[in-house]
């Protein structure tokens, strides 16, 4: 009995199934899915003149034109700058806990 076709089919099946592990998910590998949009960061189109992104080189008209593009067509440096500006204007503060080692006896 010739086991070569069965062995070839089994080996091919093993190679095909081992290309993507089941824990990696079903979505193709590539660009990550965008979860946060500019509206979640405040979505403001007003920019302080003293705080423009370095990549804009002081050209506020360039920044205003790029903001009007859809989020998937905006350059990453602009999206990143908007998120950083939002966090600069809305800083997160956490209460400082009392240190148990520095208590007065």
PDB file of N, CA and C in Angstrom:
ATOM      1  N   UNK A   1       0.846  -1.181   0.000  1.00  0.00           N
ATOM      2  CA  UNK A   1       0.000   0.000   0.000  1.00  0.00           C
ATOM      3  C   UNK A   1       0.889   1.240   0.000  1.00  0.00           C
ATOM      4  N   UNK A   2       0.490   2.225  -0.791  1.00  0.00           N
ATOM      5  CA  UNK A   2       1.309   3.422  -0.957  1.00  0.00           C
ATOM      6  C   UNK A   2       0.796   4.513  -0.017  1.00  0.00           C
ATOM      7  N   UNK A   3       1.634   4.912   0.940  1.00  0.00           N
ATOM      8  CA  UNK A   3       1.258   5.928   1.928  1.00  0.00           C
ATOM      9  C   UNK A   3       1.777   7.313   1.566  1.00  0.00           C
ATOM     10  N   UNK A   4       2.427   7.445   0.421  1.00  0.00           N
ATOM     11  CA  UNK A   4       2.992   8.746   0.044  1.00  0.00           C
ATOM     12  C   UNK A   4       1.919   9.829  -0.125  1.00  0.00           C
ATOM     13  N   UNK A   5       0.793   9.581  -0.808  1.00  0.00           N
ATOM     14  CA  UNK A   5      -0.223  10.648  -0.912  1.00  0.00           C
ATOM     15  C   UNK A   5      -0.829  11.028   0.441  1.00  0.00           C
ATOM     16  N   UNK A   6      -1.023  10.054   1.289  1.00  0.00           N
ATOM     17  CA  UNK A   6      -1.588  10.343   2.614  1.00  0.00           C
ATOM     18  C   UNK A   6      -0.586  11.132   3.439  1.00  0.00           C
ATOM     19  N   UNK A   7       0.678  10.742   3.373  1.00  0.00           N
ATOM     20  CA  UNK A   7       1.724  11.455   4.102  1.00  0.00           C
ATOM     21  C   UNK A   7       1.885  12.884   3.571  1.00  0.00           C
ATOM     22  N   UNK A   8       1.833  13.044   2.251  1.00  0.00           N
ATOM     23  CA  UNK A   8       1.933  14.364   1.640  1.00  0.00           C
ATOM     24  C   UNK A   8       0.743  15.244   2.031  1.00  0.00           C
ATOM     25  N   UNK A   9      -0.447  14.689   2.039  1.00  0.00           N
ATOM     26  CA  UNK A   9      -1.645  15.436   2.434  1.00  0.00           C
ATOM     27  C   UNK A   9      -1.572  15.823   3.910  1.00  0.00           C
ATOM     28  N   UNK A  10      -1.139  14.914   4.750  1.00  0.00           N
ATOM     29  CA  UNK A  10      -1.021  15.199   6.187  1.00  0.00           C
ATOM     30  C   UNK A  10       0.032  16.272   6.442  1.00  0.00           C
ATOM     31  N   UNK A  11       1.166  16.174   5.782  1.00  0.00           N
ATOM     32  CA  UNK A  11       2.220  17.175   5.958  1.00  0.00           C
ATOM     33  C   UNK A  11       1.749  18.541   5.461  1.00  0.00           C
ATOM     34  N   UNK A  12       1.058  18.577   4.327  1.00  0.00           N
ATOM     35  CA  UNK A  12       0.552  19.844   3.801  1.00  0.00           C
ATOM     36  C   UNK A  12      -0.467  20.458   4.749  1.00  0.00           C
ATOM     37  N   UNK A  13      -1.335  19.622   5.291  1.00  0.00           N
ATOM     38  CA  UNK A  13      -2.335  20.111   6.231  1.00  0.00           C
ATOM     39  C   UNK A  13      -1.680  20.664   7.491  1.00  0.00           C
ATOM     40  N   UNK A  14      -0.655  20.004   7.977  1.00  0.00           N
ATOM     41  CA  UNK A  14       0.062  20.495   9.166  1.00  0.00           C
ATOM     42  C   UNK A  14       0.735  21.841   8.887  1.00  0.00           C
ATOM     43  N   UNK A  15       1.352  21.979   7.720  1.00  0.00           N
ATOM     44  CA  UNK A  15       2.004  23.242   7.381  1.00  0.00           C
ATOM     45  C   UNK A  15       1.000  24.376   7.239  1.00  0.00           C
ATOM     46  N   UNK A  16      -0.127  24.102   6.639  1.00  0.00           N
ATOM     47  CA  UNK A  16      -1.139  25.139   6.430  1.00  0.00           C
ATOM     48  C   UNK A  16      -1.754  25.571   7.757  1.00  0.00           C
ATOM     49  N   UNK A  17      -2.072  24.635   8.619  1.00  0.00           N
ATOM     50  CA  UNK A  17      -2.715  24.966   9.891  1.00  0.00           C
ATOM     51  C   UNK A  17      -1.748  25.612  10.876  1.00  0.00           C
ATOM     52  N   UNK A  18      -0.460  25.372  10.717  1.00  0.00           N
ATOM     53  CA  UNK A  18       0.503  25.933  11.673  1.00  0.00           C
ATOM     54  C   UNK A  18       0.950  27.337  11.282  1.00  0.00           C
ATOM     55  N   UNK A  19       0.451  27.882  10.201  1.00  0.00           N
ATOM     56  CA  UNK A  19       0.867  29.212   9.778  1.00  0.00           C
ATOM     57  C   UNK A  19       0.353  30.304  10.709  1.00  0.00           C
ATOM     58  N   UNK A  20      -0.799  30.137  11.280  1.00  0.00           N
ATOM     59  CA  UNK A  20      -1.355  31.144  12.184  1.00  0.00           C
ATOM     60  C   UNK A  20      -1.910  30.435  13.408  1.00  0.00           C
ATOM     61  N   UNK A  21      -1.341  30.721  14.581  1.00  0.00           N
ATOM     62  CA  UNK A  21      -1.837  30.066  15.783  1.00  0.00           C
ATOM     63  C   UNK A  21      -3.257  30.527  16.126  1.00  0.00           C
ATOM     64  N   UNK A  22      -4.039  29.679  16.771  1.00  0.00           N
ATOM     65  CA  UNK A  22      -5.432  30.040  17.057  1.00  0.00           C
ATOM     66  C   UNK A  22      -5.571  31.197  18.041  1.00  0.00           C
ATOM     67  N   UNK A  23      -4.560  31.429  18.888  1.00  0.00           N
ATOM     68  CA  UNK A  23      -4.674  32.501  19.863  1.00  0.00           C
ATOM     69  C   UNK A  23      -4.360  33.867  19.249  1.00  0.00           C
ATOM     70  N   UNK A  24      -3.909  33.915  18.001  1.00  0.00           N
ATOM     71  CA  UNK A  24      -3.560  35.187  17.373  1.00  0.00           C
ATOM     72  C   UNK A  24      -4.778  35.913  16.829  1.00  0.00           C
ATOM     73  N   UNK A  25      -5.926  35.273  16.816  1.00  0.00           N
ATOM     74  CA  UNK A  25      -7.130  35.923  16.328  1.00  0.00           C
ATOM     75  C   UNK A  25      -7.396  35.596  14.876  1.00  0.00           C
ATOM     76  N   UNK A  26      -8.526  36.066  14.400  1.00  0.00           N
ATOM     77  CA  UNK A  26      -8.936  35.752  13.042  1.00  0.00           C
ATOM     78  C   UNK A  26      -8.679  36.892  12.074  1.00  0.00           C
ATOM     79  N   UNK A  27      -8.353  38.099  12.583  1.00  0.00           N
ATOM     80  CA  UNK A  27      -8.128  39.243  11.712  1.00  0.00           C
ATOM     81  C   UNK A  27      -6.744  39.153  11.088  1.00  0.00           C
ATOM     82  N   UNK A  28      -6.577  39.675   9.896  1.00  0.00           N
ATOM     83  CA  UNK A  28      -5.268  39.627   9.256  1.00  0.00           C
ATOM     84  C   UNK A  28      -4.272  40.529   9.973  1.00  0.00           C
ATOM     85  N   UNK A  29      -3.023  40.164   9.880  1.00  0.00           N
ATOM     86  CA  UNK A  29      -1.971  40.971  10.482  1.00  0.00           C
ATOM     87  C   UNK A  29      -1.702  42.142   9.559  1.00  0.00           C
ATOM     88  N   UNK A  30      -1.582  43.315  10.112  1.00  0.00           N
ATOM     89  CA  UNK A  30      -1.348  44.516   9.314  1.00  0.00           C
ATOM     90  C   UNK A  30      -1.498  45.727  10.196  1.00  0.00           C
ATOM     91  N   UNK A  31      -2.226  46.688   9.729  1.00  0.00           N
ATOM     92  CA  UNK A  31      -2.449  47.883  10.522  1.00  0.00           C
ATOM     93  C   UNK A  31      -3.428  47.573  11.656  1.00  0.00           C
ATOM     94  N   UNK A  32      -3.162  48.092  12.858  1.00  0.00           N
ATOM     95  CA  UNK A  32      -4.085  47.829  13.966  1.00  0.00           C
ATOM     96  C   UNK A  32      -5.399  48.572  13.766  1.00  0.00           C
ATOM     97  N   UNK A  33      -6.430  48.055  14.380  1.00  0.00           N
ATOM     98  CA  UNK A  33      -7.722  48.718  14.302  1.00  0.00           C
ATOM     99  C   UNK A  33      -7.689  49.983  15.155  1.00  0.00           C
ATOM    100  N   UNK A  34      -8.211  51.052  14.617  1.00  0.00           N
ATOM    101  CA  UNK A  34      -8.217  52.326  15.325  1.00  0.00           C
ATOM    102  C   UNK A  34      -9.416  52.343  16.250  1.00  0.00           C
ATOM    103  N   UNK A  35      -9.149  52.489  17.545  1.00  0.00           N
ATOM    104  CA  UNK A  35     -10.233  52.489  18.523  1.00  0.00           C
ATOM    105  C   UNK A  35     -10.620  53.898  18.932  1.00  0.00           C
ATOM    106  N   UNK A  36      -9.649  54.781  19.063  1.00  0.00           N
ATOM    107  CA  UNK A  36      -9.943  56.129  19.520  1.00  0.00           C
ATOM    108  C   UNK A  36      -9.873  57.084  18.339  1.00  0.00           C
ATOM    109  N   UNK A  37     -10.823  57.985  18.285  1.00  0.00           N
ATOM    110  CA  UNK A  37     -10.837  58.982  17.230  1.00  0.00           C
ATOM    111  C   UNK A  37     -10.516  60.343  17.823  1.00  0.00           C
ATOM    112  N   UNK A  38     -10.375  61.319  16.963  1.00  0.00           N
ATOM    113  CA  UNK A  38     -10.039  62.660  17.451  1.00  0.00           C
ATOM    114  C   UNK A  38     -11.183  63.261  18.266  1.00  0.00           C
ATOM    115  N   UNK A  39     -12.409  62.779  18.046  1.00  0.00           N
ATOM    116  CA  UNK A  39     -13.529  63.299  18.833  1.00  0.00           C
ATOM    117  C   UNK A  39     -13.396  62.896  20.297  1.00  0.00           C
ATOM    118  N   UNK A  40     -12.773  61.747  20.556  1.00  0.00           N
ATOM    119  CA  UNK A  40     -12.594  61.319  21.937  1.00  0.00           C
ATOM    120  C   UNK A  40     -11.501  62.115  22.619  1.00  0.00           C
ATOM    121  N   UNK A  41     -10.615  62.726  21.857  1.00  0.00           N
ATOM    122  CA  UNK A  41      -9.565  63.546  22.437  1.00  0.00           C
ATOM    123  C   UNK A  41      -9.976  64.994  22.544  1.00  0.00           C
ATOM    124  N   UNK A  42     -11.191  65.306  22.297  1.00  0.00           N
ATOM    125  CA  UNK A  42     -11.658  66.669  22.383  1.00  0.00           C
ATOM    126  C   UNK A  42     -12.112  67.180  21.031  1.00  0.00           C
ATOM    127  N   UNK A  43     -11.467  66.741  19.970  1.00  0.00           N
ATOM    128  CA  UNK A  43     -11.864  67.112  18.621  1.00  0.00           C
ATOM    129  C   UNK A  43     -11.822  68.599  18.337  1.00  0.00           C
ATOM    130  N   UNK A  44     -10.984  69.320  19.015  1.00  0.00           N
ATOM    131  CA  UNK A  44     -10.938  70.760  18.829  1.00  0.00           C
ATOM    132  C   UNK A  44     -10.101  71.100  17.600  1.00  0.00           C
ATOM    133  N   UNK A  45     -10.503  72.130  16.901  1.00  0.00           N
ATOM    134  CA  UNK A  45      -9.728  72.598  15.753  1.00  0.00           C
ATOM    135  C   UNK A  45      -9.056  73.925  16.049  1.00  0.00           C
ATOM    136  N   UNK A  46      -9.137  74.393  17.279  1.00  0.00           N
ATOM    137  CA  UNK A  46      -8.445  75.615  17.668  1.00  0.00           C
ATOM    138  C   UNK A  46      -7.077  75.243  18.205  1.00  0.00           C
ATOM    139  N   UNK A  47      -6.059  75.876  17.648  1.00  0.00           N
ATOM    140  CA  UNK A  47      -4.698  75.537  18.027  1.00  0.00           C
ATOM    141  C   UNK A  47      -4.009  76.766  18.588  1.00  0.00           C
ATOM    142  N   UNK A  48      -3.335  76.629  19.696  1.00  0.00           N
ATOM    143  CA  UNK A  48      -2.564  77.765  20.197  1.00  0.00           C
ATOM    144  C   UNK A  48      -1.366  78.010  19.282  1.00  0.00           C
ATOM    145  N   UNK A  49      -1.118  79.253  18.970  1.00  0.00           N
ATOM    146  CA  UNK A  49      -0.038  79.572  18.036  1.00  0.00           C
ATOM    147  C   UNK A  49       1.330  79.211  18.594  1.00  0.00           C
ATOM    148  N   UNK A  50       1.481  79.271  19.900  1.00  0.00           N
ATOM    149  CA  UNK A  50       2.791  78.967  20.485  1.00  0.00           C
ATOM    150  C   UNK A  50       3.031  77.456  20.591  1.00  0.00           C
ATOM    151  N   UNK A  51       2.016  76.650  20.373  1.00  0.00           N
ATOM    152  CA  UNK A  51       2.163  75.202  20.475  1.00  0.00           C
ATOM    153  C   UNK A  51       1.681  74.520  19.204  1.00  0.00           C
ATOM    154  N   UNK A  52       2.416  74.634  18.155  1.00  0.00           N
ATOM    155  CA  UNK A  52       2.142  73.887  16.940  1.00  0.00           C
ATOM    156  C   UNK A  52       3.094  72.701  16.892  1.00  0.00           C
ATOM    157  N   UNK A  53       2.723  71.653  16.180  1.00  0.00           N
ATOM    158  CA  UNK A  53       3.661  70.535  16.077  1.00  0.00           C
ATOM    159  C   UNK A  53       4.944  70.959  15.360  1.00  0.00           C
ATOM    160  N   UNK A  54       6.050  70.357  15.741  1.00  0.00           N
ATOM    161  CA  UNK A  54       7.323  70.704  15.122  1.00  0.00           C
ATOM    162  C   UNK A  54       7.325  70.411  13.633  1.00  0.00           C
ATOM    163  N   UNK A  55       6.576  69.364  13.235  1.00  0.00           N
ATOM    164  CA  UNK A  55       6.555  68.978  11.829  1.00  0.00           C
ATOM    165  C   UNK A  55       5.853  70.004  10.958  1.00  0.00           C
ATOM    166  N   UNK A  56       5.006  70.827  11.542  1.00  0.00           N
ATOM    167  CA  UNK A  56       4.295  71.851  10.776  1.00  0.00           C
ATOM    168  C   UNK A  56       5.181  73.057  10.494  1.00  0.00           C
ATOM    169  N   UNK A  57       6.263  73.206  11.240  1.00  0.00           N
ATOM    170  CA  UNK A  57       7.229  74.301  11.069  1.00  0.00           C
ATOM    171  C   UNK A  57       6.563  75.670  11.149  1.00  0.00           C
ATOM    172  N   UNK A  58       5.619  75.797  12.062  1.00  0.00           N
ATOM    173  CA  UNK A  58       4.967  77.080  12.305  1.00  0.00           C
ATOM    174  C   UNK A  58       3.873  77.446  11.317  1.00  0.00           C
ATOM    175  N   UNK A  59       3.506  76.549  10.444  1.00  0.00           N
ATOM    176  CA  UNK A  59       2.480  76.831   9.431  1.00  0.00           C
ATOM    177  C   UNK A  59       1.117  76.391   9.957  1.00  0.00           C
ATOM    178  N   UNK A  60       0.366  77.343  10.506  1.00  0.00           N
ATOM    179  CA  UNK A  60      -0.936  77.002  11.079  1.00  0.00           C
ATOM    180  C   UNK A  60      -1.941  76.648   9.998  1.00  0.00           C
ATOM    181  N   UNK A  61      -1.786  77.201   8.805  1.00  0.00           N
ATOM    182  CA  UNK A  61      -2.704  76.863   7.713  1.00  0.00           C
ATOM    183  C   UNK A  61      -2.559  75.405   7.300  1.00  0.00           C
ATOM    184  N   UNK A  62      -1.341  74.891   7.326  1.00  0.00           N
ATOM    185  CA  UNK A  62      -1.125  73.476   7.027  1.00  0.00           C
ATOM    186  C   UNK A  62      -1.842  72.598   8.047  1.00  0.00           C
ATOM    187  N   UNK A  63      -1.732  72.946   9.308  1.00  0.00           N
ATOM    188  CA  UNK A  63      -2.384  72.168  10.362  1.00  0.00           C
ATOM    189  C   UNK A  63      -3.899  72.221  10.203  1.00  0.00           C
ATOM    190  N   UNK A  64      -4.430  73.385   9.888  1.00  0.00           N
ATOM    191  CA  UNK A  64      -5.889  73.511   9.714  1.00  0.00           C
ATOM    192  C   UNK A  64      -6.381  72.705   8.525  1.00  0.00           C
ATOM    193  N   UNK A  65      -5.586  72.658   7.441  1.00  0.00           N
ATOM    194  CA  UNK A  65      -5.991  71.869   6.279  1.00  0.00           C
ATOM    195  C   UNK A  65      -5.928  70.373   6.579  1.00  0.00           C
ATOM    196  N   UNK A  66      -4.895  69.950   7.297  1.00  0.00           N
ATOM    197  CA  UNK A  66      -4.744  68.529   7.588  1.00  0.00           C
ATOM    198  C   UNK A  66      -5.813  68.027   8.558  1.00  0.00           C
ATOM    199  N   UNK A  67      -6.284  68.886   9.456  1.00  0.00           N
ATOM    200  CA  UNK A  67      -7.311  68.490  10.419  1.00  0.00           C
ATOM    201  C   UNK A  67      -8.636  68.232   9.710  1.00  0.00           C
ATOM    202  N   UNK A  68      -8.866  68.877   8.585  1.00  0.00           N
ATOM    203  CA  UNK A  68     -10.122  68.697   7.865  1.00  0.00           C
ATOM    204  C   UNK A  68     -10.179  67.376   7.105  1.00  0.00           C
ATOM    205  N   UNK A  69      -9.036  66.711   6.948  1.00  0.00           N
ATOM    206  CA  UNK A  69      -9.021  65.408   6.289  1.00  0.00           C
ATOM    207  C   UNK A  69      -9.640  64.352   7.189  1.00  0.00           C
ATOM    208  N   UNK A  70     -10.111  63.243   6.626  1.00  0.00           N
ATOM    209  CA  UNK A  70     -10.580  62.141   7.472  1.00  0.00           C
ATOM    210  C   UNK A  70      -9.435  61.611   8.332  1.00  0.00           C
ATOM    211  N   UNK A  71      -9.773  61.011   9.441  1.00  0.00           N
ATOM    212  CA  UNK A  71      -8.762  60.596  10.415  1.00  0.00           C
ATOM    213  C   UNK A  71      -7.781  59.585   9.829  1.00  0.00           C
ATOM    214  N   UNK A  72      -8.242  58.741   8.895  1.00  0.00           N
ATOM    215  CA  UNK A  72      -7.336  57.747   8.336  1.00  0.00           C
ATOM    216  C   UNK A  72      -6.394  58.330   7.290  1.00  0.00           C
ATOM    217  N   UNK A  73      -6.603  59.586   6.877  1.00  0.00           N
ATOM    218  CA  UNK A  73      -5.718  60.226   5.913  1.00  0.00           C
ATOM    219  C   UNK A  73      -4.838  61.296   6.546  1.00  0.00           C
ATOM    220  N   UNK A  74      -5.019  61.552   7.832  1.00  0.00           N
ATOM    221  CA  UNK A  74      -4.176  62.527   8.522  1.00  0.00           C
ATOM    222  C   UNK A  74      -2.830  61.891   8.842  1.00  0.00           C
ATOM    223  N   UNK A  75      -1.766  62.687   8.821  1.00  0.00           N
ATOM    224  CA  UNK A  75      -0.461  62.125   9.182  1.00  0.00           C
ATOM    225  C   UNK A  75      -0.425  61.766  10.662  1.00  0.00           C
ATOM    226  N   UNK A  76       0.391  60.761  10.974  1.00  0.00           N
ATOM    227  CA  UNK A  76       0.442  60.279  12.352  1.00  0.00           C
ATOM    228  C   UNK A  76       0.934  61.350  13.307  1.00  0.00           C
ATOM    229  N   UNK A  77       1.872  62.186  12.869  1.00  0.00           N
ATOM    230  CA  UNK A  77       2.401  63.191  13.776  1.00  0.00           C
ATOM    231  C   UNK A  77       1.322  64.173  14.221  1.00  0.00           C
ATOM    232  N   UNK A  78       0.330  64.425  13.364  1.00  0.00           N
ATOM    233  CA  UNK A  78      -0.751  65.341  13.736  1.00  0.00           C
ATOM    234  C   UNK A  78      -1.714  64.685  14.726  1.00  0.00           C
ATOM    235  N   UNK A  79      -2.046  63.424  14.482  1.00  0.00           N
ATOM    236  CA  UNK A  79      -2.936  62.701  15.397  1.00  0.00           C
ATOM    237  C   UNK A  79      -2.279  62.568  16.765  1.00  0.00           C
ATOM    238  N   UNK A  80      -1.000  62.238  16.757  1.00  0.00           N
ATOM    239  CA  UNK A  80      -0.261  62.092  18.006  1.00  0.00           C
ATOM    240  C   UNK A  80      -0.173  63.429  18.735  1.00  0.00           C
ATOM    241  N   UNK A  81       0.052  64.509  18.001  1.00  0.00           N
ATOM    242  CA  UNK A  81       0.141  65.828  18.620  1.00  0.00           C
ATOM    243  C   UNK A  81      -1.193  66.235  19.245  1.00  0.00           C
ATOM    244  N   UNK A  82      -2.310  65.932  18.560  1.00  0.00           N
ATOM    245  CA  UNK A  82      -3.626  66.261  19.114  1.00  0.00           C
ATOM    246  C   UNK A  82      -3.868  65.504  20.420  1.00  0.00           C
ATOM    247  N   UNK A  83      -3.490  64.241  20.451  1.00  0.00           N
ATOM    248  CA  UNK A  83      -3.680  63.459  21.673  1.00  0.00           C
ATOM    249  C   UNK A  83      -2.805  64.003  22.802  1.00  0.00           C
ATOM    250  N   UNK A  84      -1.573  64.362  22.502  1.00  0.00           N
ATOM    251  CA  UNK A  84      -0.689  64.909  23.534  1.00  0.00           C
ATOM    252  C   UNK A  84      -1.178  66.258  24.036  1.00  0.00           C
ATOM    253  N   UNK A  85      -1.682  67.086  23.142  1.00  0.00           N
ATOM    254  CA  UNK A  85      -2.223  68.382  23.562  1.00  0.00           C
ATOM    255  C   UNK A  85      -3.438  68.199  24.468  1.00  0.00           C
ATOM    256  N   UNK A  86      -4.278  67.218  24.146  1.00  0.00           N
ATOM    257  CA  UNK A  86      -5.443  66.974  24.988  1.00  0.00           C
ATOM    258  C   UNK A  86      -4.996  66.547  26.388  1.00  0.00           C
ATOM    259  N   UNK A  87      -3.986  65.682  26.457  1.00  0.00           N
ATOM    260  CA  UNK A  87      -3.497  65.249  27.773  1.00  0.00           C
ATOM    261  C   UNK A  87      -2.770  66.369  28.503  1.00  0.00           C
ATOM    262  N   UNK A  88      -2.168  67.293  27.776  1.00  0.00           N
ATOM    263  CA  UNK A  88      -1.541  68.443  28.442  1.00  0.00           C
ATOM    264  C   UNK A  88      -2.596  69.372  29.034  1.00  0.00           C
ATOM    265  N   UNK A  89      -3.721  69.513  28.347  1.00  0.00           N
ATOM    266  CA  UNK A  89      -4.777  70.389  28.842  1.00  0.00           C
ATOM    267  C   UNK A  89      -5.642  69.706  29.898  1.00  0.00           C
ATOM    268  N   UNK A  90      -5.687  68.380  29.909  1.00  0.00           N
ATOM    269  CA  UNK A  90      -6.470  67.621  30.890  1.00  0.00           C
ATOM    270  C   UNK A  90      -5.564  66.605  31.586  1.00  0.00           C
ATOM    271  N   UNK A  91      -4.666  67.078  32.440  1.00  0.00           N
ATOM    272  CA  UNK A  91      -3.731  66.129  33.067  1.00  0.00           C
ATOM    273  C   UNK A  91      -4.444  65.231  34.069  1.00  0.00           C
ATOM    274  N   UNK A  92      -3.952  64.033  34.172  1.00  0.00           N
ATOM    275  CA  UNK A  92      -4.472  63.098  35.165  1.00  0.00           C
ATOM    276  C   UNK A  92      -3.660  63.259  36.441  1.00  0.00           C
ATOM    277  N   UNK A  93      -4.350  63.409  37.523  1.00  0.00           N
ATOM    278  CA  UNK A  93      -3.664  63.520  38.805  1.00  0.00           C
ATOM    279  C   UNK A  93      -4.139  62.389  39.706  1.00  0.00           C
ATOM    280  N   UNK A  94      -3.226  61.892  40.472  1.00  0.00           N
ATOM    281  CA  UNK A  94      -3.528  60.806  41.383  1.00  0.00           C
ATOM    282  C   UNK A  94      -3.165  61.243  42.801  1.00  0.00           C
ATOM    283  N   UNK A  95      -3.997  60.903  43.780  1.00  0.00           N
ATOM    284  CA  UNK A  95      -3.667  61.283  45.150  1.00  0.00           C
ATOM    285  C   UNK A  95      -2.447  60.510  45.643  1.00  0.00           C
ATOM    286  N   UNK A  96      -1.645  61.191  46.432  1.00  0.00           N
ATOM    287  CA  UNK A  96      -0.445  60.566  46.974  1.00  0.00           C
ATOM    288  C   UNK A  96      -0.819  59.878  48.277  1.00  0.00           C
ATOM    289  N   UNK A  97      -0.468  58.609  48.361  1.00  0.00           N
ATOM    290  CA  UNK A  97      -0.765  57.867  49.585  1.00  0.00           C
ATOM    291  C   UNK A  97       0.267  58.189  50.656  1.00  0.00           C
ATOM    292  N   UNK A  98      -0.171  58.060  51.877  1.00  0.00           N
ATOM    293  CA  UNK A  98       0.729  58.298  52.991  1.00  0.00           C
ATOM    294  C   UNK A  98       1.712  57.137  53.088  1.00  0.00           C
ATOM    295  N   UNK A  99       2.985  57.469  53.287  1.00  0.00           N
ATOM    296  CA  UNK A  99       4.017  56.454  53.387  1.00  0.00           C
ATOM    297  C   UNK A  99       4.024  55.884  54.796  1.00  0.00           C
ATOM    298  N   UNK A 100       3.826  54.584  54.898  1.00  0.00           N
ATOM    299  CA  UNK A 100       3.760  53.956  56.220  1.00  0.00           C
ATOM    300  C   UNK A 100       5.123  53.883  56.882  1.00  0.00           C
ATOM    301  N   UNK A 101       6.190  54.012  56.130  1.00  0.00           N
ATOM    302  CA  UNK A 101       7.528  53.956  56.713  1.00  0.00           C
ATOM    303  C   UNK A 101       7.968  55.283  57.299  1.00  0.00           C
ATOM    304  N   UNK A 102       7.276  56.361  56.977  1.00  0.00           N
ATOM    305  CA  UNK A 102       7.657  57.670  57.459  1.00  0.00           C
ATOM    306  C   UNK A 102       6.741  58.194  58.548  1.00  0.00           C
ATOM    307  N   UNK A 103       5.947  57.344  59.142  1.00  0.00           N
ATOM    308  CA  UNK A 103       5.044  57.774  60.214  1.00  0.00           C
ATOM    309  C   UNK A 103       5.843  58.135  61.454  1.00  0.00           C
ATOM    310  N   UNK A 104       5.356  59.166  62.132  1.00  0.00           N
ATOM    311  CA  UNK A 104       6.006  59.573  63.391  1.00  0.00           C
ATOM    312  C   UNK A 104       5.606  58.574  64.487  1.00  0.00           C
ATOM    313  N   UNK A 105       6.580  58.179  65.301  1.00  0.00           N
ATOM    314  CA  UNK A 105       6.247  57.231  66.392  1.00  0.00           C
ATOM    315  C   UNK A 105       5.447  57.841  67.495  1.00  0.00           C
TER     316      UNK A 105
END
